Amino acid sequence: MNVCLFLPNWIGDAVMATPAIRAVRNQMRAGRLIAVLRPYIEGVMDGLGWFDRQIRLNPMGRRRERWPAVAAALRHEKIDIAILFPNSFHTAWVAWWGNCHRRIGYARYGRGPLLTDRLSPLCDARGKLLPSPCLDAYVRLTELAGWSVTSKRMELATTRADEQTADQLWQRTGLGRYPEVICLNPGAAFGSAKYWPADYFGELAASIRDQRGSGVLVLCGPGETKLAERIVDSADRPGVFSLAAERLSIGLTKACIRRCDLLVTTDSGPRHFAAAFDRPVVTLFGPTHIAWTETYFSRAIHLQKRVDCGPCQRRTCPLDHRCMRELRPAEVFAAVDTLLMPKAPAARAS
């Protein structure tokens, strides 16, 4: 039996799909497991070794990565079951055009007729979507396909190359001499409404250095290097470093989070790397519903201010960004202390 999984398009969502993916992989008796995924999701899945083939889907990319080529590749693979984690119409259309025998997904955006097995999303009495965990939504699809999901623990892996790059970073910065390393993840691909102010991150980094003696590493993506540099400058402490000058990759970010002692992050994809590697995590929520990305991870603290305008789910704030600005660095530091008690000893001399 050949099975195709259309993976989520967002980095964090792809991590939340790993319990469902693992269940399929572990219970397949024979055949091939194929992933259709955006190119940047490959870095999330690297190291797991779960797929027999990965087909890149990039509507704006090379011809072999566009919708018609992907459908042709699926016809060649003779897919028996396709599970569609994304809810887009085009995903269902490609599975249908690719002659996938069973096409399993949520009946949304008018794509119901293209599916053979449909689920309805969770809604209230008026038909409005209820905020509910994406992780559970992926599990429901997998169980409809016939596989039981016995664990909702998320899972990731790193490659040897990722670890070697992180080793070099630790040696170059001297992070290895600190009794603990705390990573800060200030970015958010969703939009600026998820950002916590850079000066707040700087104040938090300074408190971590002064009161815990920890090393601090500010993570960043390719479009976030200036933000990371601003945080380091704002902290104005030795022992606070960033990835801004590094060759950035999802693999390096995974390796850094895997070896850190705690992550403080916005509600963005790398937040889920921490849970997948069993690292404590403090997540700063502003405009988004916590329920959408709940993962049942026990070593997590969610911080969110109750404001009359939120959670609004907007990508940019039309007002004063109060949901994030009212969340003060002292509160975040207290959460860090709670997850990392007892207090770390002072840094060792270089």
C-alpha atoms as a PDB file:
ATOM      1  CA  MET A   1       0.000   0.000   0.000  1.00  0.00           C
ATOM      2  CA  ASN A   2       1.354   3.408  -0.999  1.00  0.00           C
ATOM      3  CA  VAL A   3       0.432   6.287   1.287  1.00  0.00           C
ATOM      4  CA  CYS A   4       0.868   9.996   0.639  1.00  0.00           C
ATOM      5  CA  LEU A   5       0.798  12.641   3.356  1.00  0.00           C
ATOM      6  CA  PHE A   6       0.315  16.268   2.327  1.00  0.00           C
ATOM      7  CA  LEU A   7       2.213  18.004   5.119  1.00  0.00           C
ATOM      8  CA  PRO A   8       1.153  21.327   6.691  1.00  0.00           C
ATOM      9  CA  ASN A   9       2.527  24.500   5.150  1.00  0.00           C
ATOM     10  CA  TRP A  10       3.549  26.189   8.421  1.00  0.00           C
ATOM     11  CA  ILE A  11       6.668  25.094  10.306  1.00  0.00           C
ATOM     12  CA  GLY A  12       4.938  24.785  13.677  1.00  0.00           C
ATOM     13  CA  ASP A  13       1.991  22.937  12.160  1.00  0.00           C
ATOM     14  CA  ALA A  14       4.380  20.448  10.558  1.00  0.00           C
ATOM     15  CA  VAL A  15       5.828  19.687  14.002  1.00  0.00           C
ATOM     16  CA  MET A  16       2.316  19.254  15.389  1.00  0.00           C
ATOM     17  CA  ALA A  17       1.656  16.708  12.648  1.00  0.00           C
ATOM     18  CA  THR A  18       4.532  14.453  13.760  1.00  0.00           C
ATOM     19  CA  PRO A  19       2.448  12.285  16.141  1.00  0.00           C
ATOM     20  CA  ALA A  20       0.128  11.464  13.242  1.00  0.00           C
ATOM     21  CA  ILE A  21       2.999  10.907  10.786  1.00  0.00           C
ATOM     22  CA  ARG A  22       4.799   8.627  13.251  1.00  0.00           C
ATOM     23  CA  ALA A  23       1.666   6.556  13.742  1.00  0.00           C
ATOM     24  CA  VAL A  24       1.345   5.954   9.998  1.00  0.00           C
ATOM     25  CA  ARG A  25       5.035   5.123   9.613  1.00  0.00           C
ATOM     26  CA  ASN A  26       5.109   2.701  12.541  1.00  0.00           C
ATOM     27  CA  GLN A  27       1.957   0.836  11.508  1.00  0.00           C
ATOM     28  CA  MET A  28       2.571   0.455   7.786  1.00  0.00           C
ATOM     29  CA  ARG A  29       3.169  -3.194   7.010  1.00  0.00           C
ATOM     30  CA  ALA A  30       4.397  -2.685   3.450  1.00  0.00           C
ATOM     31  CA  GLY A  31       4.429  -0.138   0.652  1.00  0.00           C
ATOM     32  CA  ARG A  32       5.840   3.364   0.507  1.00  0.00           C
ATOM     33  CA  LEU A  33       5.226   6.469   2.597  1.00  0.00           C
ATOM     34  CA  ILE A  34       5.478   9.626   0.512  1.00  0.00           C
ATOM     35  CA  ALA A  35       5.381  13.236   1.671  1.00  0.00           C
ATOM     36  CA  VAL A  36       4.204  16.209  -0.373  1.00  0.00           C
ATOM     37  CA  LEU A  37       5.667  19.261   1.283  1.00  0.00           C
ATOM     38  CA  ARG A  38       6.850  22.813   0.817  1.00  0.00           C
ATOM     39  CA  PRO A  39      10.666  23.075   0.387  1.00  0.00           C
ATOM     40  CA  TYR A  40      11.195  24.786   3.752  1.00  0.00           C
ATOM     41  CA  ILE A  41       9.381  21.970   5.578  1.00  0.00           C
ATOM     42  CA  GLU A  42      12.137  19.580   4.500  1.00  0.00           C
ATOM     43  CA  GLY A  43      14.417  21.108   7.132  1.00  0.00           C
ATOM     44  CA  VAL A  44      11.824  20.389   9.812  1.00  0.00           C
ATOM     45  CA  MET A  45      11.635  16.709   8.824  1.00  0.00           C
ATOM     46  CA  ASP A  46      15.384  16.186   8.284  1.00  0.00           C
ATOM     47  CA  GLY A  47      16.862  13.481  10.462  1.00  0.00           C
ATOM     48  CA  LEU A  48      13.637  11.568  11.122  1.00  0.00           C
ATOM     49  CA  GLY A  49      13.965   9.190   8.185  1.00  0.00           C
ATOM     50  CA  TRP A  50      10.249   8.502   8.023  1.00  0.00           C
ATOM     51  CA  PHE A  51       9.598   8.986   4.303  1.00  0.00           C
ATOM     52  CA  ASP A  52      10.503   6.806   1.343  1.00  0.00           C
ATOM     53  CA  ARG A  53      10.137   9.807  -0.951  1.00  0.00           C
ATOM     54  CA  GLN A  54       9.567  13.542  -0.536  1.00  0.00           C
ATOM     55  CA  ILE A  55       7.884  15.476  -3.346  1.00  0.00           C
ATOM     56  CA  ARG A  56       8.389  19.213  -3.218  1.00  0.00           C
ATOM     57  CA  LEU A  57       5.354  21.396  -3.779  1.00  0.00           C
ATOM     58  CA  ASN A  58       6.060  25.027  -4.582  1.00  0.00           C
ATOM     59  CA  PRO A  59       3.450  26.753  -6.775  1.00  0.00           C
ATOM     60  CA  MET A  60       5.876  29.604  -7.535  1.00  0.00           C
ATOM     61  CA  GLY A  61       8.964  27.417  -7.906  1.00  0.00           C
ATOM     62  CA  ARG A  62      10.503  25.304 -10.622  1.00  0.00           C
ATOM     63  CA  ARG A  63       8.227  23.543 -13.076  1.00  0.00           C
ATOM     64  CA  ARG A  64       8.808  20.140 -11.452  1.00  0.00           C
ATOM     65  CA  GLU A  65       7.583  21.556  -8.113  1.00  0.00           C
ATOM     66  CA  ARG A  66       4.328  23.043  -9.380  1.00  0.00           C
ATOM     67  CA  TRP A  67       0.852  21.559  -9.138  1.00  0.00           C
ATOM     68  CA  PRO A  68       0.764  19.655 -12.497  1.00  0.00           C
ATOM     69  CA  ALA A  69       4.175  18.038 -11.912  1.00  0.00           C
ATOM     70  CA  VAL A  70       3.222  16.980  -8.399  1.00  0.00           C
ATOM     71  CA  ALA A  71      -0.013  15.431  -9.650  1.00  0.00           C
ATOM     72  CA  ALA A  72       1.940  13.544 -12.319  1.00  0.00           C
ATOM     73  CA  ALA A  73       4.370  12.261  -9.668  1.00  0.00           C
ATOM     74  CA  LEU A  74       1.451  10.998  -7.585  1.00  0.00           C
ATOM     75  CA  ARG A  75      -0.063   9.186 -10.579  1.00  0.00           C
ATOM     76  CA  HIS A  76       3.293   7.479 -11.082  1.00  0.00           C
ATOM     77  CA  GLU A  77       3.382   6.405  -7.420  1.00  0.00           C
ATOM     78  CA  LYS A  78      -0.132   4.887  -7.583  1.00  0.00           C
ATOM     79  CA  ILE A  79      -1.275   6.267  -4.254  1.00  0.00           C
ATOM     80  CA  ASP A  80      -3.792   4.195  -2.318  1.00  0.00           C
ATOM     81  CA  ILE A  81      -4.408   6.664   0.523  1.00  0.00           C
ATOM     82  CA  ALA A  82      -3.713  10.394   0.657  1.00  0.00           C
ATOM     83  CA  ILE A  83      -4.142  12.270   3.940  1.00  0.00           C
ATOM     84  CA  LEU A  84      -4.478  16.014   3.456  1.00  0.00           C
ATOM     85  CA  PHE A  85      -3.329  17.935   6.521  1.00  0.00           C
ATOM     86  CA  PRO A  86      -3.674  21.384   4.868  1.00  0.00           C
ATOM     87  CA  ASN A  87      -7.223  22.600   4.259  1.00  0.00           C
ATOM     88  CA  SER A  88      -6.640  24.298   0.903  1.00  0.00           C
ATOM     89  CA  PHE A  89      -8.722  23.601  -2.191  1.00  0.00           C
ATOM     90  CA  HIS A  90      -5.588  23.143  -4.318  1.00  0.00           C
ATOM     91  CA  THR A  91      -4.322  20.353  -2.073  1.00  0.00           C
ATOM     92  CA  ALA A  92      -7.491  18.324  -2.639  1.00  0.00           C
ATOM     93  CA  TRP A  93      -7.412  19.126  -6.348  1.00  0.00           C
ATOM     94  CA  VAL A  94      -3.837  17.802  -6.702  1.00  0.00           C
ATOM     95  CA  ALA A  95      -4.719  14.607  -4.813  1.00  0.00           C
ATOM     96  CA  TRP A  96      -7.737  14.118  -7.084  1.00  0.00           C
ATOM     97  CA  TRP A  97      -5.763  14.942 -10.245  1.00  0.00           C
ATOM     98  CA  GLY A  98      -2.997  12.610  -9.025  1.00  0.00           C
ATOM     99  CA  ASN A  99      -5.475   9.694  -8.990  1.00  0.00           C
ATOM    100  CA  CYS A 100      -5.062   9.045  -5.264  1.00  0.00           C
ATOM    101  CA  HIS A 101      -7.619   6.319  -4.534  1.00  0.00           C
ATOM    102  CA  ARG A 102      -8.720   7.548  -1.088  1.00  0.00           C
ATOM    103  CA  ARG A 103      -8.468  11.273  -0.394  1.00  0.00           C
ATOM    104  CA  ILE A 104      -8.980  12.109   3.278  1.00  0.00           C
ATOM    105  CA  GLY A 105      -9.360  15.651   4.564  1.00  0.00           C
ATOM    106  CA  TYR A 106     -11.574  18.292   6.117  1.00  0.00           C
ATOM    107  CA  ALA A 107     -14.516  19.464   4.036  1.00  0.00           C
ATOM    108  CA  ARG A 108     -13.606  23.138   3.858  1.00  0.00           C
ATOM    109  CA  TYR A 109     -13.277  25.824   1.171  1.00  0.00           C
ATOM    110  CA  GLY A 110     -15.589  23.993  -1.234  1.00  0.00           C
ATOM    111  CA  ARG A 111     -13.342  20.987  -1.699  1.00  0.00           C
ATOM    112  CA  GLY A 112     -15.703  18.344  -0.289  1.00  0.00           C
ATOM    113  CA  PRO A 113     -16.557  16.807  -3.696  1.00  0.00           C
ATOM    114  CA  LEU A 114     -12.845  16.178  -4.326  1.00  0.00           C
ATOM    115  CA  LEU A 115     -12.521  14.073  -1.175  1.00  0.00           C
ATOM    116  CA  THR A 116     -13.580  10.455  -0.713  1.00  0.00           C
ATOM    117  CA  ASP A 117     -13.461  10.615   3.102  1.00  0.00           C
ATOM    118  CA  ARG A 118     -14.514  13.869   4.749  1.00  0.00           C
ATOM    119  CA  LEU A 119     -14.448  15.280   8.232  1.00  0.00           C
ATOM    120  CA  SER A 120     -16.208  18.411   9.375  1.00  0.00           C
ATOM    121  CA  PRO A 121     -14.203  20.900  11.438  1.00  0.00           C
ATOM    122  CA  LEU A 122     -15.270  21.561  15.010  1.00  0.00           C
ATOM    123  CA  CYS A 123     -17.828  24.392  15.035  1.00  0.00           C
ATOM    124  CA  ASP A 124     -20.245  25.960  17.471  1.00  0.00           C
ATOM    125  CA  ALA A 125     -24.030  25.946  17.088  1.00  0.00           C
ATOM    126  CA  ARG A 126     -23.843  28.885  14.676  1.00  0.00           C
ATOM    127  CA  GLY A 127     -21.307  27.135  12.443  1.00  0.00           C
ATOM    128  CA  LYS A 128     -18.345  29.254  13.574  1.00  0.00           C
ATOM    129  CA  LEU A 129     -15.002  27.465  13.884  1.00  0.00           C
ATOM    130  CA  LEU A 130     -14.072  26.601  17.448  1.00  0.00           C
ATOM    131  CA  PRO A 131     -10.437  27.167  18.415  1.00  0.00           C
ATOM    132  CA  SER A 132      -9.128  23.648  18.907  1.00  0.00           C
ATOM    133  CA  PRO A 133      -5.683  22.015  18.679  1.00  0.00           C
ATOM    134  CA  CYS A 134      -4.299  21.443  15.195  1.00  0.00           C
ATOM    135  CA  LEU A 135      -2.524  18.416  16.609  1.00  0.00           C
ATOM    136  CA  ASP A 136      -5.884  16.825  17.405  1.00  0.00           C
ATOM    137  CA  ALA A 137      -7.225  17.699  13.963  1.00  0.00           C
ATOM    138  CA  TYR A 138      -4.341  15.814  12.336  1.00  0.00           C
ATOM    139  CA  VAL A 139      -4.911  12.843  14.638  1.00  0.00           C
ATOM    140  CA  ARG A 140      -8.584  12.700  13.628  1.00  0.00           C
ATOM    141  CA  LEU A 141      -7.643  12.501   9.937  1.00  0.00           C
ATOM    142  CA  THR A 142      -5.111   9.752  10.584  1.00  0.00           C
ATOM    143  CA  GLU A 143      -7.579   7.701  12.585  1.00  0.00           C
ATOM    144  CA  LEU A 144     -10.200   8.103   9.857  1.00  0.00           C
ATOM    145  CA  ALA A 145      -7.643   6.586   7.480  1.00  0.00           C
ATOM    146  CA  GLY A 146      -7.384   3.549   9.756  1.00  0.00           C
ATOM    147  CA  TRP A 147      -4.287   4.137  11.910  1.00  0.00           C
ATOM    148  CA  SER A 148      -4.497   4.569  15.664  1.00  0.00           C
ATOM    149  CA  VAL A 149      -2.486   7.346  17.294  1.00  0.00           C
ATOM    150  CA  THR A 150      -1.393   6.127  20.724  1.00  0.00           C
ATOM    151  CA  SER A 151       0.865   9.071  21.621  1.00  0.00           C
ATOM    152  CA  LYS A 152       0.528  12.794  20.990  1.00  0.00           C
ATOM    153  CA  ARG A 153       4.179  13.449  21.790  1.00  0.00           C
ATOM    154  CA  MET A 154       5.775  15.543  19.060  1.00  0.00           C
ATOM    155  CA  GLU A 155       9.094  14.362  17.682  1.00  0.00           C
ATOM    156  CA  LEU A 156      11.997  15.867  15.723  1.00  0.00           C
ATOM    157  CA  ALA A 157      15.607  14.961  14.994  1.00  0.00           C
ATOM    158  CA  THR A 158      18.809  16.718  13.994  1.00  0.00           C
ATOM    159  CA  THR A 159      21.397  15.704  11.446  1.00  0.00           C
ATOM    160  CA  ARG A 160      25.105  15.265  12.073  1.00  0.00           C
ATOM    161  CA  ALA A 161      25.789  18.382   9.990  1.00  0.00           C
ATOM    162  CA  ASP A 162      23.347  20.414  12.110  1.00  0.00           C
ATOM    163  CA  GLU A 163      25.078  19.277  15.300  1.00  0.00           C
ATOM    164  CA  GLN A 164      28.544  20.001  13.959  1.00  0.00           C
ATOM    165  CA  THR A 165      27.492  23.553  13.064  1.00  0.00           C
ATOM    166  CA  ALA A 166      26.022  24.058  16.535  1.00  0.00           C
ATOM    167  CA  ASP A 167      29.208  22.634  18.109  1.00  0.00           C
ATOM    168  CA  GLN A 168      31.261  25.233  16.248  1.00  0.00           C
ATOM    169  CA  LEU A 169      28.922  28.020  17.378  1.00  0.00           C
ATOM    170  CA  TRP A 170      29.141  26.912  21.025  1.00  0.00           C
ATOM    171  CA  GLN A 171      32.947  26.821  20.827  1.00  0.00           C
ATOM    172  CA  ARG A 172      33.268  30.158  19.029  1.00  0.00           C
ATOM    173  CA  THR A 173      30.995  32.044  21.435  1.00  0.00           C
ATOM    174  CA  GLY A 174      32.024  30.223  24.589  1.00  0.00           C
ATOM    175  CA  LEU A 175      28.433  29.233  25.371  1.00  0.00           C
ATOM    176  CA  GLY A 176      29.741  25.917  26.656  1.00  0.00           C
ATOM    177  CA  ARG A 177      31.280  27.574  29.726  1.00  0.00           C
ATOM    178  CA  TYR A 178      27.924  28.759  31.090  1.00  0.00           C
ATOM    179  CA  PRO A 179      26.017  26.554  33.546  1.00  0.00           C
ATOM    180  CA  GLU A 180      22.905  26.851  31.376  1.00  0.00           C
ATOM    181  CA  VAL A 181      21.978  28.365  28.038  1.00  0.00           C
ATOM    182  CA  ILE A 182      18.624  30.027  27.405  1.00  0.00           C
ATOM    183  CA  CYS A 183      17.497  30.629  23.828  1.00  0.00           C
ATOM    184  CA  LEU A 184      15.262  33.540  22.859  1.00  0.00           C
ATOM    185  CA  ASN A 185      13.171  33.298  19.705  1.00  0.00           C
ATOM    186  CA  PRO A 186      11.760  36.756  18.866  1.00  0.00           C
ATOM    187  CA  GLY A 187      10.559  36.173  15.297  1.00  0.00           C
ATOM    188  CA  ALA A 188       7.153  35.279  13.908  1.00  0.00           C
ATOM    189  CA  ALA A 189       6.408  34.522  10.262  1.00  0.00           C
ATOM    190  CA  PHE A 190       2.656  34.987  10.855  1.00  0.00           C
ATOM    191  CA  GLY A 191       2.980  38.772  11.131  1.00  0.00           C
ATOM    192  CA  SER A 192       4.137  41.656  13.288  1.00  0.00           C
ATOM    193  CA  ALA A 193       1.200  41.304  15.691  1.00  0.00           C
ATOM    194  CA  LYS A 194       2.967  38.303  17.273  1.00  0.00           C
ATOM    195  CA  TYR A 195       6.159  40.248  17.991  1.00  0.00           C
ATOM    196  CA  TRP A 196       7.158  41.060  21.554  1.00  0.00           C
ATOM    197  CA  PRO A 197       9.087  44.375  21.671  1.00  0.00           C
ATOM    198  CA  ALA A 198      12.822  44.052  21.050  1.00  0.00           C
ATOM    199  CA  ASP A 199      13.660  46.191  24.084  1.00  0.00           C
ATOM    200  CA  TYR A 200      11.590  43.809  26.247  1.00  0.00           C
ATOM    201  CA  PHE A 201      13.627  40.886  24.938  1.00  0.00           C
ATOM    202  CA  GLY A 202      16.774  42.885  25.676  1.00  0.00           C
ATOM    203  CA  GLU A 203      15.650  43.563  29.240  1.00  0.00           C
ATOM    204  CA  LEU A 204      14.803  39.881  29.694  1.00  0.00           C
ATOM    205  CA  ALA A 205      18.238  38.824  28.391  1.00  0.00           C
ATOM    206  CA  ALA A 206      19.914  41.229  30.817  1.00  0.00           C
ATOM    207  CA  SER A 207      17.896  39.834  33.739  1.00  0.00           C
ATOM    208  CA  ILE A 208      18.780  36.274  32.765  1.00  0.00           C
ATOM    209  CA  ARG A 209      22.480  37.160  32.704  1.00  0.00           C
ATOM    210  CA  ASP A 210      22.430  39.210  35.922  1.00  0.00           C
ATOM    211  CA  GLN A 211      20.205  36.995  38.042  1.00  0.00           C
ATOM    212  CA  ARG A 212      20.827  33.478  36.733  1.00  0.00           C
ATOM    213  CA  GLY A 213      24.328  33.725  35.250  1.00  0.00           C
ATOM    214  CA  SER A 214      23.095  31.961  32.112  1.00  0.00           C
ATOM    215  CA  GLY A 215      24.374  32.271  28.595  1.00  0.00           C
ATOM    216  CA  VAL A 216      21.776  33.696  26.190  1.00  0.00           C
ATOM    217  CA  LEU A 217      21.443  32.937  22.490  1.00  0.00           C
ATOM    218  CA  VAL A 218      19.018  34.949  20.336  1.00  0.00           C
ATOM    219  CA  LEU A 219      17.687  32.880  17.444  1.00  0.00           C
ATOM    220  CA  CYS A 220      16.590  34.359  14.127  1.00  0.00           C
ATOM    221  CA  GLY A 221      15.497  33.567  10.616  1.00  0.00           C
ATOM    222  CA  PRO A 222      16.890  35.116   7.429  1.00  0.00           C
ATOM    223  CA  GLY A 223      14.626  38.191   7.693  1.00  0.00           C
ATOM    224  CA  GLU A 224      15.148  38.672  11.425  1.00  0.00           C
ATOM    225  CA  THR A 225      18.891  39.307  11.764  1.00  0.00           C
ATOM    226  CA  LYS A 226      18.484  43.034  12.485  1.00  0.00           C
ATOM    227  CA  LEU A 227      15.949  42.228  15.190  1.00  0.00           C
ATOM    228  CA  ALA A 228      18.353  39.758  16.802  1.00  0.00           C
ATOM    229  CA  GLU A 229      21.169  42.317  16.711  1.00  0.00           C
ATOM    230  CA  ARG A 230      18.923  44.934  18.329  1.00  0.00           C
ATOM    231  CA  ILE A 231      18.139  42.570  21.184  1.00  0.00           C
ATOM    232  CA  VAL A 232      21.829  41.862  21.815  1.00  0.00           C
ATOM    233  CA  ASP A 233      22.596  45.599  21.732  1.00  0.00           C
ATOM    234  CA  SER A 234      19.677  46.337  24.066  1.00  0.00           C
ATOM    235  CA  ALA A 235      20.811  43.702  26.579  1.00  0.00           C
ATOM    236  CA  ASP A 236      24.342  45.168  26.591  1.00  0.00           C
ATOM    237  CA  ARG A 237      25.794  42.220  28.498  1.00  0.00           C
ATOM    238  CA  PRO A 238      28.652  39.824  27.853  1.00  0.00           C
ATOM    239  CA  GLY A 239      27.296  36.347  27.348  1.00  0.00           C
ATOM    240  CA  VAL A 240      24.399  37.431  25.139  1.00  0.00           C
ATOM    241  CA  PHE A 241      24.889  36.245  21.553  1.00  0.00           C
ATOM    242  CA  SER A 242      22.790  35.874  18.412  1.00  0.00           C
ATOM    243  CA  LEU A 243      22.677  33.818  15.217  1.00  0.00           C
ATOM    244  CA  ALA A 244      22.639  36.983  13.099  1.00  0.00           C
ATOM    245  CA  ALA A 245      26.110  36.391  11.623  1.00  0.00           C
ATOM    246  CA  GLU A 246      25.641  32.643  11.110  1.00  0.00           C
ATOM    247  CA  ARG A 247      24.615  30.712   8.041  1.00  0.00           C
ATOM    248  CA  LEU A 248      20.985  30.329   9.023  1.00  0.00           C
ATOM    249  CA  SER A 249      18.918  27.193   8.602  1.00  0.00           C
ATOM    250  CA  ILE A 250      16.062  25.368  10.247  1.00  0.00           C
ATOM    251  CA  GLY A 251      18.530  22.607  11.057  1.00  0.00           C
ATOM    252  CA  LEU A 252      20.791  24.969  13.018  1.00  0.00           C
ATOM    253  CA  THR A 253      17.808  26.356  14.920  1.00  0.00           C
ATOM    254  CA  LYS A 254      16.726  22.824  15.822  1.00  0.00           C
ATOM    255  CA  ALA A 255      20.223  21.913  17.022  1.00  0.00           C
ATOM    256  CA  CYS A 256      20.463  25.054  19.178  1.00  0.00           C
ATOM    257  CA  ILE A 257      17.078  24.453  20.803  1.00  0.00           C
ATOM    258  CA  ARG A 258      17.837  20.762  21.350  1.00  0.00           C
ATOM    259  CA  ARG A 259      20.909  21.620  23.448  1.00  0.00           C
ATOM    260  CA  CYS A 260      19.568  24.662  25.297  1.00  0.00           C
ATOM    261  CA  ASP A 261      18.113  24.512  28.807  1.00  0.00           C
ATOM    262  CA  LEU A 262      15.002  26.593  28.024  1.00  0.00           C
ATOM    263  CA  LEU A 263      13.401  28.517  25.188  1.00  0.00           C
ATOM    264  CA  VAL A 264      11.501  31.804  25.454  1.00  0.00           C
ATOM    265  CA  THR A 265       9.563  32.365  22.271  1.00  0.00           C
ATOM    266  CA  THR A 266       6.737  34.074  20.505  1.00  0.00           C
ATOM    267  CA  ASP A 267       3.904  31.890  19.220  1.00  0.00           C
ATOM    268  CA  SER A 268       5.890  30.753  16.193  1.00  0.00           C
ATOM    269  CA  GLY A 269       7.182  27.543  14.647  1.00  0.00           C
ATOM    270  CA  PRO A 270      10.381  27.088  16.709  1.00  0.00           C
ATOM    271  CA  ARG A 271       8.218  27.083  19.835  1.00  0.00           C
ATOM    272  CA  HIS A 272       7.293  23.512  18.953  1.00  0.00           C
ATOM    273  CA  PHE A 273      10.926  22.484  18.445  1.00  0.00           C
ATOM    274  CA  ALA A 274      11.351  22.840  22.209  1.00  0.00           C
ATOM    275  CA  ALA A 275       8.512  20.462  23.045  1.00  0.00           C
ATOM    276  CA  ALA A 276       9.669  17.971  20.399  1.00  0.00           C
ATOM    277  CA  PHE A 277      13.114  17.891  22.070  1.00  0.00           C
ATOM    278  CA  ASP A 278      11.619  17.926  25.593  1.00  0.00           C
ATOM    279  CA  ARG A 279      13.055  21.352  26.418  1.00  0.00           C
ATOM    280  CA  PRO A 280      11.138  23.696  28.772  1.00  0.00           C
ATOM    281  CA  VAL A 281       9.462  26.561  26.926  1.00  0.00           C
ATOM    282  CA  VAL A 282       7.849  29.871  27.825  1.00  0.00           C
ATOM    283  CA  THR A 283       5.558  31.086  25.019  1.00  0.00           C
ATOM    284  CA  LEU A 284       4.425  34.692  24.699  1.00  0.00           C
ATOM    285  CA  PHE A 285       0.940  34.873  23.210  1.00  0.00           C
ATOM    286  CA  GLY A 286      -0.666  38.051  21.919  1.00  0.00           C
ATOM    287  CA  PRO A 287      -3.221  38.035  19.081  1.00  0.00           C
ATOM    288  CA  THR A 288      -3.637  34.268  18.743  1.00  0.00           C
ATOM    289  CA  HIS A 289      -5.833  31.741  20.522  1.00  0.00           C
ATOM    290  CA  ILE A 290      -3.732  29.392  22.645  1.00  0.00           C
ATOM    291  CA  ALA A 291      -6.173  26.584  21.862  1.00  0.00           C
ATOM    292  CA  TRP A 292      -5.180  26.381  18.176  1.00  0.00           C
ATOM    293  CA  THR A 293      -1.622  25.332  19.027  1.00  0.00           C
ATOM    294  CA  GLU A 294      -2.064  23.487  22.314  1.00  0.00           C
ATOM    295  CA  THR A 295       0.233  20.439  22.373  1.00  0.00           C
ATOM    296  CA  TYR A 296      -0.261  19.093  25.937  1.00  0.00           C
ATOM    297  CA  PHE A 297       3.444  19.551  26.735  1.00  0.00           C
ATOM    298  CA  SER A 298       3.924  19.490  30.503  1.00  0.00           C
ATOM    299  CA  ARG A 299       7.119  21.586  30.609  1.00  0.00           C
ATOM    300  CA  ALA A 300       5.519  24.691  29.124  1.00  0.00           C
ATOM    301  CA  ILE A 301       4.180  27.978  30.432  1.00  0.00           C
ATOM    302  CA  HIS A 302       1.839  30.053  28.253  1.00  0.00           C
ATOM    303  CA  LEU A 303       1.690  33.776  28.991  1.00  0.00           C
ATOM    304  CA  GLN A 304      -1.121  35.916  27.594  1.00  0.00           C
ATOM    305  CA  LYS A 305      -2.727  39.156  28.736  1.00  0.00           C
ATOM    306  CA  ARG A 306      -6.491  39.480  28.706  1.00  0.00           C
ATOM    307  CA  VAL A 307      -7.360  42.516  26.606  1.00  0.00           C
ATOM    308  CA  ASP A 308     -10.736  43.682  25.351  1.00  0.00           C
ATOM    309  CA  CYS A 309      -9.655  43.486  21.706  1.00  0.00           C
ATOM    310  CA  GLY A 310      -8.193  40.018  21.675  1.00  0.00           C
ATOM    311  CA  PRO A 311      -7.286  37.446  20.834  1.00  0.00           C
ATOM    312  CA  CYS A 312      -8.018  38.932  17.423  1.00  0.00           C
ATOM    313  CA  GLN A 313      -6.044  36.559  15.136  1.00  0.00           C
ATOM    314  CA  ARG A 314      -4.841  39.569  13.106  1.00  0.00           C
ATOM    315  CA  ARG A 315      -1.419  39.547  11.450  1.00  0.00           C
ATOM    316  CA  THR A 316      -0.858  43.248  12.195  1.00  0.00           C
ATOM    317  CA  CYS A 317      -2.274  45.277  15.057  1.00  0.00           C
ATOM    318  CA  PRO A 318      -4.521  48.205  14.039  1.00  0.00           C
ATOM    319  CA  LEU A 319      -4.394  49.687  17.561  1.00  0.00           C
ATOM    320  CA  ASP A 320      -1.584  49.911  20.129  1.00  0.00           C
ATOM    321  CA  HIS A 321      -0.377  46.279  20.352  1.00  0.00           C
ATOM    322  CA  ARG A 322      -1.452  46.211  23.997  1.00  0.00           C
ATOM    323  CA  CYS A 323      -1.707  42.415  24.120  1.00  0.00           C
ATOM    324  CA  MET A 324       2.078  42.164  23.818  1.00  0.00           C
ATOM    325  CA  ARG A 325       3.162  45.446  25.389  1.00  0.00           C
ATOM    326  CA  GLU A 326       1.297  44.732  28.624  1.00  0.00           C
ATOM    327  CA  LEU A 327       3.258  41.503  29.024  1.00  0.00           C
ATOM    328  CA  ARG A 328       6.284  42.751  30.951  1.00  0.00           C
ATOM    329  CA  PRO A 329       9.811  41.261  31.046  1.00  0.00           C
ATOM    330  CA  ALA A 330       9.594  40.688  34.807  1.00  0.00           C
ATOM    331  CA  GLU A 331       6.632  38.338  34.309  1.00  0.00           C
ATOM    332  CA  VAL A 332       8.486  36.400  31.657  1.00  0.00           C
ATOM    333  CA  PHE A 333      11.591  36.132  33.821  1.00  0.00           C
ATOM    334  CA  ALA A 334       9.461  34.777  36.676  1.00  0.00           C
ATOM    335  CA  ALA A 335       8.180  32.057  34.327  1.00  0.00           C
ATOM    336  CA  VAL A 336      11.762  31.219  33.337  1.00  0.00           C
ATOM    337  CA  ASP A 337      12.666  30.922  37.022  1.00  0.00           C
ATOM    338  CA  THR A 338       9.663  28.681  37.654  1.00  0.00           C
ATOM    339  CA  LEU A 339      10.672  26.207  34.943  1.00  0.00           C
ATOM    340  CA  LEU A 340      14.396  26.257  35.740  1.00  0.00           C
ATOM    341  CA  MET A 341      14.489  26.303  39.538  1.00  0.00           C
ATOM    342  CA  PRO A 342      16.838  26.036  41.333  1.00  0.00           C
ATOM    343  CA  LYS A 343      18.853  29.068  40.299  1.00  0.00           C
ATOM    344  CA  ALA A 344      21.917  28.321  38.191  1.00  0.00           C
ATOM    345  CA  PRO A 345      25.359  28.918  39.692  1.00  0.00           C
ATOM    346  CA  ALA A 346      27.478  31.813  38.438  1.00  0.00           C
ATOM    347  CA  ALA A 347      29.248  31.481  35.105  1.00  0.00           C
ATOM    348  CA  ARG A 348      32.646  29.822  35.140  1.00  0.00           C
ATOM    349  CA  ALA A 349      35.680  31.975  34.409  1.00  0.00           C
ATOM    350  CA  SER A 350      36.959  31.779  30.857  1.00  0.00           C
END
